């Protein structure tokens, strides 16, 4: 089951993100240029959150739900 999930979850996430990416236009990126602080803060926040989850194996809520005990 774990092997199936390890393969299926990234594939499903990729397939879900395709329509999101296809809807992006040049106008969307121009709007981002009007709020550079917000865009930078969001990007830094995502990077830091990923680093925290990867660095501390128990910090990721998905992994902690799968723990036994």
C-alpha atoms as a PDB file:
ATOM      1  CA  UNK A   1       0.000   0.000   0.000  1.00  0.00           C
ATOM      2  CA  UNK A   2       2.823   2.415   0.857  1.00  0.00           C
ATOM      3  CA  UNK A   3       4.462   1.853  -2.524  1.00  0.00           C
ATOM      4  CA  UNK A   4       1.197   2.615  -4.314  1.00  0.00           C
ATOM      5  CA  UNK A   5       0.710   5.824  -2.328  1.00  0.00           C
ATOM      6  CA  UNK A   6       4.326   6.880  -2.873  1.00  0.00           C
ATOM      7  CA  UNK A   7       3.691   6.741  -6.615  1.00  0.00           C
ATOM      8  CA  UNK A   8       0.029   7.749  -6.819  1.00  0.00           C
ATOM      9  CA  UNK A   9       0.088  10.882  -4.659  1.00  0.00           C
ATOM     10  CA  UNK A  10       2.704  12.778  -6.729  1.00  0.00           C
ATOM     11  CA  UNK A  11       1.003  11.740  -9.967  1.00  0.00           C
ATOM     12  CA  UNK A  12      -2.417  12.904  -8.752  1.00  0.00           C
ATOM     13  CA  UNK A  13      -0.934  16.177  -7.468  1.00  0.00           C
ATOM     14  CA  UNK A  14       0.720  16.729 -10.849  1.00  0.00           C
ATOM     15  CA  UNK A  15      -2.522  16.057 -12.713  1.00  0.00           C
ATOM     16  CA  UNK A  16      -4.449  18.431 -10.454  1.00  0.00           C
ATOM     17  CA  UNK A  17      -1.872  21.199 -10.955  1.00  0.00           C
ATOM     18  CA  UNK A  18      -1.951  21.033 -14.782  1.00  0.00           C
ATOM     19  CA  UNK A  19      -5.220  23.022 -15.115  1.00  0.00           C
ATOM     20  CA  UNK A  20      -4.003  25.522 -12.549  1.00  0.00           C
ATOM     21  CA  UNK A  21      -0.813  26.109 -14.519  1.00  0.00           C
ATOM     22  CA  UNK A  22      -2.627  26.337 -17.823  1.00  0.00           C
ATOM     23  CA  UNK A  23      -4.857  29.122 -16.495  1.00  0.00           C
ATOM     24  CA  UNK A  24      -1.874  31.361 -15.681  1.00  0.00           C
ATOM     25  CA  UNK A  25      -1.535  34.312 -18.000  1.00  0.00           C
ATOM     26  CA  UNK A  26       0.912  37.170 -18.436  1.00  0.00           C
ATOM     27  CA  UNK A  27      -1.642  39.369 -16.688  1.00  0.00           C
ATOM     28  CA  UNK A  28      -1.404  37.209 -13.550  1.00  0.00           C
ATOM     29  CA  UNK A  29       2.353  37.759 -13.397  1.00  0.00           C
ATOM     30  CA  UNK A  30       1.906  41.488 -14.006  1.00  0.00           C
ATOM     31  CA  UNK A  31      -0.441  41.648 -11.025  1.00  0.00           C
ATOM     32  CA  UNK A  32       2.278  40.037  -8.915  1.00  0.00           C
ATOM     33  CA  UNK A  33       4.686  42.805  -9.893  1.00  0.00           C
ATOM     34  CA  UNK A  34       2.367  45.298  -8.164  1.00  0.00           C
ATOM     35  CA  UNK A  35       2.684  43.500  -4.808  1.00  0.00           C
ATOM     36  CA  UNK A  36       6.325  42.377  -4.627  1.00  0.00           C
ATOM     37  CA  UNK A  37       6.454  42.244  -0.823  1.00  0.00           C
ATOM     38  CA  UNK A  38       3.437  39.978  -0.605  1.00  0.00           C
ATOM     39  CA  UNK A  39       4.719  37.707  -3.367  1.00  0.00           C
ATOM     40  CA  UNK A  40       8.158  37.507  -1.741  1.00  0.00           C
ATOM     41  CA  UNK A  41       6.670  36.827   1.694  1.00  0.00           C
ATOM     42  CA  UNK A  42       4.493  34.031   0.295  1.00  0.00           C
ATOM     43  CA  UNK A  43       7.432  32.428  -1.502  1.00  0.00           C
ATOM     44  CA  UNK A  44       9.719  32.647   1.529  1.00  0.00           C
ATOM     45  CA  UNK A  45       6.948  31.284   3.752  1.00  0.00           C
ATOM     46  CA  UNK A  46       6.466  28.244   1.546  1.00  0.00           C
ATOM     47  CA  UNK A  47      10.198  27.578   1.408  1.00  0.00           C
ATOM     48  CA  UNK A  48      10.567  27.880   5.184  1.00  0.00           C
ATOM     49  CA  UNK A  49       7.546  25.688   5.825  1.00  0.00           C
ATOM     50  CA  UNK A  50       8.936  23.000   3.534  1.00  0.00           C
ATOM     51  CA  UNK A  51      12.310  23.166   5.245  1.00  0.00           C
ATOM     52  CA  UNK A  52      10.700  22.844   8.665  1.00  0.00           C
ATOM     53  CA  UNK A  53       8.639  19.828   7.590  1.00  0.00           C
ATOM     54  CA  UNK A  54      11.547  18.100   5.881  1.00  0.00           C
ATOM     55  CA  UNK A  55      14.031  18.944   8.637  1.00  0.00           C
ATOM     56  CA  UNK A  56      11.818  17.664  11.458  1.00  0.00           C
ATOM     57  CA  UNK A  57      10.187  14.413  10.412  1.00  0.00           C
ATOM     58  CA  UNK A  58       7.597  14.682  13.197  1.00  0.00           C
ATOM     59  CA  UNK A  59       6.514  18.214  12.193  1.00  0.00           C
ATOM     60  CA  UNK A  60       4.704  17.127   9.041  1.00  0.00           C
ATOM     61  CA  UNK A  61       1.048  16.548   9.936  1.00  0.00           C
ATOM     62  CA  UNK A  62       0.610  13.852   7.294  1.00  0.00           C
ATOM     63  CA  UNK A  63       3.526  11.845   8.624  1.00  0.00           C
ATOM     64  CA  UNK A  64       2.421  12.270  12.238  1.00  0.00           C
ATOM     65  CA  UNK A  65      -1.043  10.872  11.387  1.00  0.00           C
ATOM     66  CA  UNK A  66       0.569   7.713  10.036  1.00  0.00           C
ATOM     67  CA  UNK A  67       2.628   7.041  13.162  1.00  0.00           C
ATOM     68  CA  UNK A  68       1.560   4.144  15.309  1.00  0.00           C
ATOM     69  CA  UNK A  69       1.317   4.454  19.034  1.00  0.00           C
END
